[in-house]
N, C-alpha and C. Protein backbone atom coordinates (compact mmCIF):
# COMPACT_ATOMS: atom_id res chain seq x y z
N MET A 1 155.91 129.16 33.73
CA MET A 1 154.67 129.76 34.16
C MET A 1 154.04 128.84 35.19
N GLY A 2 153.61 129.40 36.32
CA GLY A 2 153.03 128.63 37.41
C GLY A 2 151.58 128.30 37.18
N VAL A 3 151.10 127.39 37.97
CA VAL A 3 149.70 127.00 37.93
C VAL A 3 148.92 127.88 38.88
N ARG A 4 147.80 128.39 38.43
CA ARG A 4 146.96 129.25 39.29
C ARG A 4 145.99 128.37 40.07
N SER A 5 145.86 128.65 41.35
CA SER A 5 144.86 127.97 42.16
C SER A 5 143.89 129.03 42.67
N ARG A 6 142.71 128.59 43.08
CA ARG A 6 141.71 129.54 43.55
C ARG A 6 140.85 128.93 44.63
N SER A 7 140.33 129.78 45.49
CA SER A 7 139.45 129.36 46.57
C SER A 7 138.07 129.94 46.31
N GLU A 8 137.11 129.06 45.98
CA GLU A 8 135.77 129.53 45.62
C GLU A 8 135.02 130.07 46.82
N VAL A 9 134.26 131.11 46.58
CA VAL A 9 133.40 131.73 47.58
C VAL A 9 131.98 131.27 47.30
N ASN A 10 131.17 131.14 48.34
CA ASN A 10 129.78 130.76 48.13
C ASN A 10 129.03 131.93 47.52
N GLY A 11 129.06 132.02 46.21
CA GLY A 11 128.39 133.10 45.52
C GLY A 11 128.71 133.11 44.05
N ARG A 12 127.69 133.32 43.26
CA ARG A 12 127.86 133.46 41.82
C ARG A 12 126.65 134.19 41.28
N GLN A 13 126.78 134.71 40.09
CA GLN A 13 125.67 135.33 39.41
C GLN A 13 125.49 134.62 38.08
N SER A 14 124.30 134.10 37.84
CA SER A 14 124.02 133.36 36.61
C SER A 14 123.07 134.14 35.73
N ALA A 15 123.32 134.08 34.43
CA ALA A 15 122.48 134.72 33.43
C ALA A 15 122.26 136.20 33.75
N LEU A 16 123.33 136.88 34.16
CA LEU A 16 123.26 138.31 34.44
C LEU A 16 123.03 139.05 33.13
N ALA A 17 121.89 139.70 32.99
CA ALA A 17 121.51 140.36 31.74
C ALA A 17 122.25 141.68 31.56
N ILE A 18 122.83 141.85 30.37
CA ILE A 18 123.53 143.07 30.00
C ILE A 18 122.78 143.68 28.82
N ALA A 19 122.13 144.81 29.06
CA ALA A 19 121.32 145.46 28.02
C ALA A 19 121.84 146.88 27.80
N GLY A 20 120.93 147.81 27.57
CA GLY A 20 121.30 149.17 27.20
C GLY A 20 121.66 150.08 28.36
N SER A 21 121.53 149.58 29.60
CA SER A 21 121.91 150.37 30.79
C SER A 21 123.12 149.73 31.45
N VAL A 22 123.97 150.56 32.03
CA VAL A 22 125.17 150.08 32.70
C VAL A 22 124.79 149.24 33.92
N ILE A 23 125.44 148.10 34.08
CA ILE A 23 125.23 147.24 35.26
C ILE A 23 126.55 147.10 36.01
N SER A 24 126.45 146.78 37.29
CA SER A 24 127.61 146.43 38.11
C SER A 24 127.34 145.07 38.74
N LEU A 25 128.31 144.55 39.46
CA LEU A 25 128.19 143.23 40.08
C LEU A 25 127.70 143.33 41.51
N THR A 26 127.08 142.26 41.99
CA THR A 26 126.73 142.11 43.39
C THR A 26 127.77 141.17 43.98
N VAL A 27 128.79 141.73 44.59
CA VAL A 27 129.96 140.97 45.02
C VAL A 27 129.77 140.46 46.45
N PRO A 28 129.92 139.14 46.68
CA PRO A 28 129.83 138.60 48.05
C PRO A 28 130.90 139.20 48.95
N ASP A 29 130.62 139.30 50.24
CA ASP A 29 131.55 139.90 51.20
C ASP A 29 132.94 139.27 51.17
N ALA A 30 133.04 137.96 51.03
CA ALA A 30 134.32 137.27 51.10
C ALA A 30 135.08 137.24 49.78
N ALA A 31 134.50 137.77 48.72
CA ALA A 31 135.12 137.70 47.39
C ALA A 31 136.19 138.77 47.21
N ASN A 32 137.31 138.36 46.62
CA ASN A 32 138.40 139.28 46.29
C ASN A 32 138.78 139.24 44.83
N CYS A 33 138.17 138.33 44.06
CA CYS A 33 138.45 138.22 42.64
C CYS A 33 137.30 137.46 41.97
N ALA A 34 137.25 137.52 40.64
CA ALA A 34 136.15 136.88 39.93
C ALA A 34 136.57 136.49 38.52
N GLU A 35 135.85 135.52 37.96
CA GLU A 35 135.93 135.17 36.56
C GLU A 35 134.55 135.39 35.96
N ILE A 36 134.51 136.10 34.85
CA ILE A 36 133.26 136.42 34.19
C ILE A 36 133.28 135.78 32.80
N TYR A 37 132.25 134.99 32.51
CA TYR A 37 132.13 134.30 31.23
C TYR A 37 131.09 135.03 30.40
N VAL A 38 131.47 135.50 29.21
CA VAL A 38 130.57 136.25 28.34
C VAL A 38 129.81 135.26 27.47
N GLU A 39 128.48 135.40 27.47
CA GLU A 39 127.63 134.53 26.67
C GLU A 39 126.74 135.37 25.76
N THR A 40 126.34 134.85 24.68
CA THR A 40 125.30 135.33 23.74
C THR A 40 125.64 136.56 22.91
N ALA A 41 126.31 137.58 23.42
CA ALA A 41 126.60 138.78 22.62
C ALA A 41 127.76 139.56 23.24
N ALA A 42 128.34 140.45 22.44
CA ALA A 42 129.49 141.25 22.89
C ALA A 42 129.06 142.30 23.91
N ILE A 43 129.99 142.61 24.82
CA ILE A 43 129.78 143.67 25.82
C ILE A 43 130.95 144.64 25.77
N ARG A 44 130.77 145.79 26.37
CA ARG A 44 131.86 146.72 26.69
C ARG A 44 131.93 146.79 28.20
N PHE A 45 133.14 146.82 28.76
CA PHE A 45 133.27 146.86 30.21
C PHE A 45 134.44 147.72 30.64
N THR A 46 134.35 148.18 31.88
CA THR A 46 135.46 148.86 32.54
C THR A 46 135.61 148.21 33.92
N ARG A 47 136.76 148.39 34.52
CA ARG A 47 136.97 147.84 35.87
C ARG A 47 137.59 148.84 36.82
N GLU A 48 137.45 150.14 36.47
CA GLU A 48 137.96 151.18 37.37
C GLU A 48 136.87 152.18 37.75
N GLY A 49 135.61 151.88 37.42
CA GLY A 49 134.50 152.72 37.85
C GLY A 49 133.97 153.69 36.81
N THR A 50 134.63 153.79 35.66
CA THR A 50 134.14 154.64 34.58
C THR A 50 132.98 153.93 33.89
N ASP A 51 131.89 154.64 33.62
CA ASP A 51 130.76 154.03 32.92
C ASP A 51 131.15 153.70 31.48
N PRO A 52 130.99 152.44 31.06
CA PRO A 52 131.25 152.11 29.66
C PRO A 52 130.11 152.59 28.78
N THR A 53 130.40 152.77 27.51
CA THR A 53 129.39 153.10 26.50
C THR A 53 129.63 152.18 25.31
N THR A 54 128.87 152.34 24.26
CA THR A 54 129.10 151.52 23.07
C THR A 54 130.38 151.89 22.33
N THR A 55 131.05 152.96 22.77
CA THR A 55 132.34 153.35 22.17
C THR A 55 133.47 153.47 23.20
N LEU A 56 133.17 153.27 24.49
CA LEU A 56 134.17 153.41 25.54
C LEU A 56 134.22 152.14 26.39
N GLY A 57 135.41 151.63 26.60
CA GLY A 57 135.60 150.43 27.41
C GLY A 57 136.18 149.30 26.57
N PHE A 58 136.58 148.25 27.26
CA PHE A 58 137.12 147.06 26.59
C PHE A 58 135.97 146.26 26.01
N VAL A 59 136.18 145.65 24.85
CA VAL A 59 135.17 144.79 24.23
C VAL A 59 135.46 143.34 24.61
N ALA A 60 134.42 142.61 24.99
CA ALA A 60 134.52 141.17 25.24
C ALA A 60 133.43 140.49 24.42
N TYR A 61 133.80 139.39 23.79
CA TYR A 61 132.91 138.67 22.88
C TYR A 61 132.43 137.37 23.51
N PRO A 62 131.34 136.79 22.98
CA PRO A 62 130.88 135.50 23.50
C PRO A 62 132.03 134.49 23.51
N GLY A 63 132.18 133.81 24.63
CA GLY A 63 133.28 132.85 24.81
C GLY A 63 134.47 133.43 25.55
N ASP A 64 134.56 134.75 25.65
CA ASP A 64 135.66 135.39 26.37
C ASP A 64 135.48 135.21 27.88
N ILE A 65 136.59 135.21 28.59
CA ILE A 65 136.60 135.18 30.05
C ILE A 65 137.30 136.44 30.53
N ILE A 66 136.64 137.18 31.40
CA ILE A 66 137.20 138.39 31.99
C ILE A 66 137.66 138.05 33.40
N LEU A 67 138.91 138.33 33.72
CA LEU A 67 139.45 138.08 35.05
C LEU A 67 139.50 139.38 35.84
N LEU A 68 138.91 139.37 37.01
CA LEU A 68 139.00 140.50 37.93
C LEU A 68 139.89 140.05 39.07
N ASN A 69 141.05 140.67 39.21
CA ASN A 69 142.10 140.18 40.11
C ASN A 69 142.18 140.87 41.46
N SER A 70 141.21 141.70 41.79
CA SER A 70 141.21 142.34 43.10
C SER A 70 139.77 142.68 43.51
N ARG A 71 139.59 142.95 44.78
CA ARG A 71 138.27 143.37 45.27
C ARG A 71 137.86 144.69 44.61
N ALA A 72 138.83 145.59 44.44
CA ALA A 72 138.52 146.87 43.80
C ALA A 72 138.01 146.68 42.38
N GLU A 73 138.63 145.80 41.61
CA GLU A 73 138.15 145.54 40.25
C GLU A 73 136.75 144.95 40.27
N CYS A 74 136.46 144.06 41.22
CA CYS A 74 135.11 143.49 41.34
C CYS A 74 134.09 144.58 41.65
N ASP A 75 134.41 145.42 42.62
CA ASP A 75 133.49 146.47 43.04
C ASP A 75 133.27 147.53 41.96
N GLN A 76 134.28 147.77 41.13
CA GLN A 76 134.20 148.84 40.14
C GLN A 76 133.86 148.36 38.74
N PHE A 77 133.70 147.04 38.55
CA PHE A 77 133.35 146.50 37.23
C PHE A 77 131.99 147.02 36.80
N GLU A 78 131.90 147.49 35.56
CA GLU A 78 130.64 147.92 34.96
C GLU A 78 130.61 147.44 33.51
N ALA A 79 129.42 147.10 33.03
CA ALA A 79 129.28 146.59 31.67
C ALA A 79 128.00 147.09 31.03
N ILE A 80 128.02 147.11 29.69
CA ILE A 80 126.87 147.46 28.87
C ILE A 80 126.98 146.65 27.59
N ARG A 81 125.87 146.40 26.91
CA ARG A 81 125.96 145.67 25.64
C ARG A 81 126.70 146.52 24.61
N ASP A 82 127.37 145.86 23.67
CA ASP A 82 128.16 146.57 22.66
C ASP A 82 127.33 146.94 21.43
N THR A 83 126.27 146.18 21.18
CA THR A 83 125.42 146.43 20.02
C THR A 83 123.97 146.46 20.49
N SER A 84 123.04 146.30 19.59
CA SER A 84 121.62 146.29 19.97
C SER A 84 121.18 144.95 20.56
N VAL A 85 122.08 143.97 20.57
CA VAL A 85 121.75 142.63 21.09
C VAL A 85 122.20 142.53 22.54
N SER A 86 121.28 142.20 23.44
CA SER A 86 121.61 142.04 24.86
C SER A 86 122.46 140.80 25.07
N ALA A 87 123.26 140.83 26.11
CA ALA A 87 124.17 139.73 26.43
C ALA A 87 123.83 139.15 27.79
N ALA A 88 124.48 138.05 28.11
CA ALA A 88 124.36 137.44 29.43
C ALA A 88 125.75 137.09 29.92
N LEU A 89 125.95 137.21 31.24
CA LEU A 89 127.22 136.87 31.87
C LEU A 89 127.00 135.81 32.93
N GLU A 90 127.98 134.96 33.10
CA GLU A 90 128.07 134.04 34.24
C GLU A 90 129.27 134.50 35.05
N VAL A 91 129.09 134.69 36.35
CA VAL A 91 130.15 135.23 37.21
C VAL A 91 130.42 134.27 38.34
N GLU A 92 131.69 133.90 38.53
CA GLU A 92 132.13 133.10 39.67
C GLU A 92 133.04 133.96 40.52
N TYR A 93 132.84 133.90 41.83
CA TYR A 93 133.64 134.69 42.77
C TYR A 93 134.58 133.79 43.56
N PHE A 94 135.75 134.35 43.92
CA PHE A 94 136.77 133.61 44.66
C PHE A 94 137.36 134.49 45.74
N SER A 95 137.82 133.86 46.81
CA SER A 95 138.47 134.62 47.87
C SER A 95 139.89 134.98 47.48
N ASP A 96 140.54 134.14 46.67
CA ASP A 96 141.87 134.46 46.19
C ASP A 96 142.21 133.63 44.96
N ILE A 97 143.16 134.14 44.20
CA ILE A 97 143.76 133.41 43.09
C ILE A 97 145.26 133.56 43.25
N SER A 98 145.96 132.45 43.32
CA SER A 98 147.41 132.53 43.49
C SER A 98 148.10 131.71 42.42
N GLY A 99 149.35 132.00 42.24
CA GLY A 99 150.12 131.23 41.29
C GLY A 99 150.73 132.06 40.21
């Protein structure tokens, strides 16, 4: 298995609040991929543009890292909280990830 390298883009989103309404990302122009760190509570997410609900989408728990491997996944990522507890995300953007 190879080592992955990445080129950071000047842009990140800190303490992005995930509550009862669907949110999307504000992706910098030069970004083609992202790492999302889930904090505080579970979320549901999609990366193809379908709105997630509390019963639809992938579940990510506090401590999980979500990898978005293309510009399309970044642009189409949407999330909502999984329970009544709001969550927070930390998002780092990159121009590429190789390896």
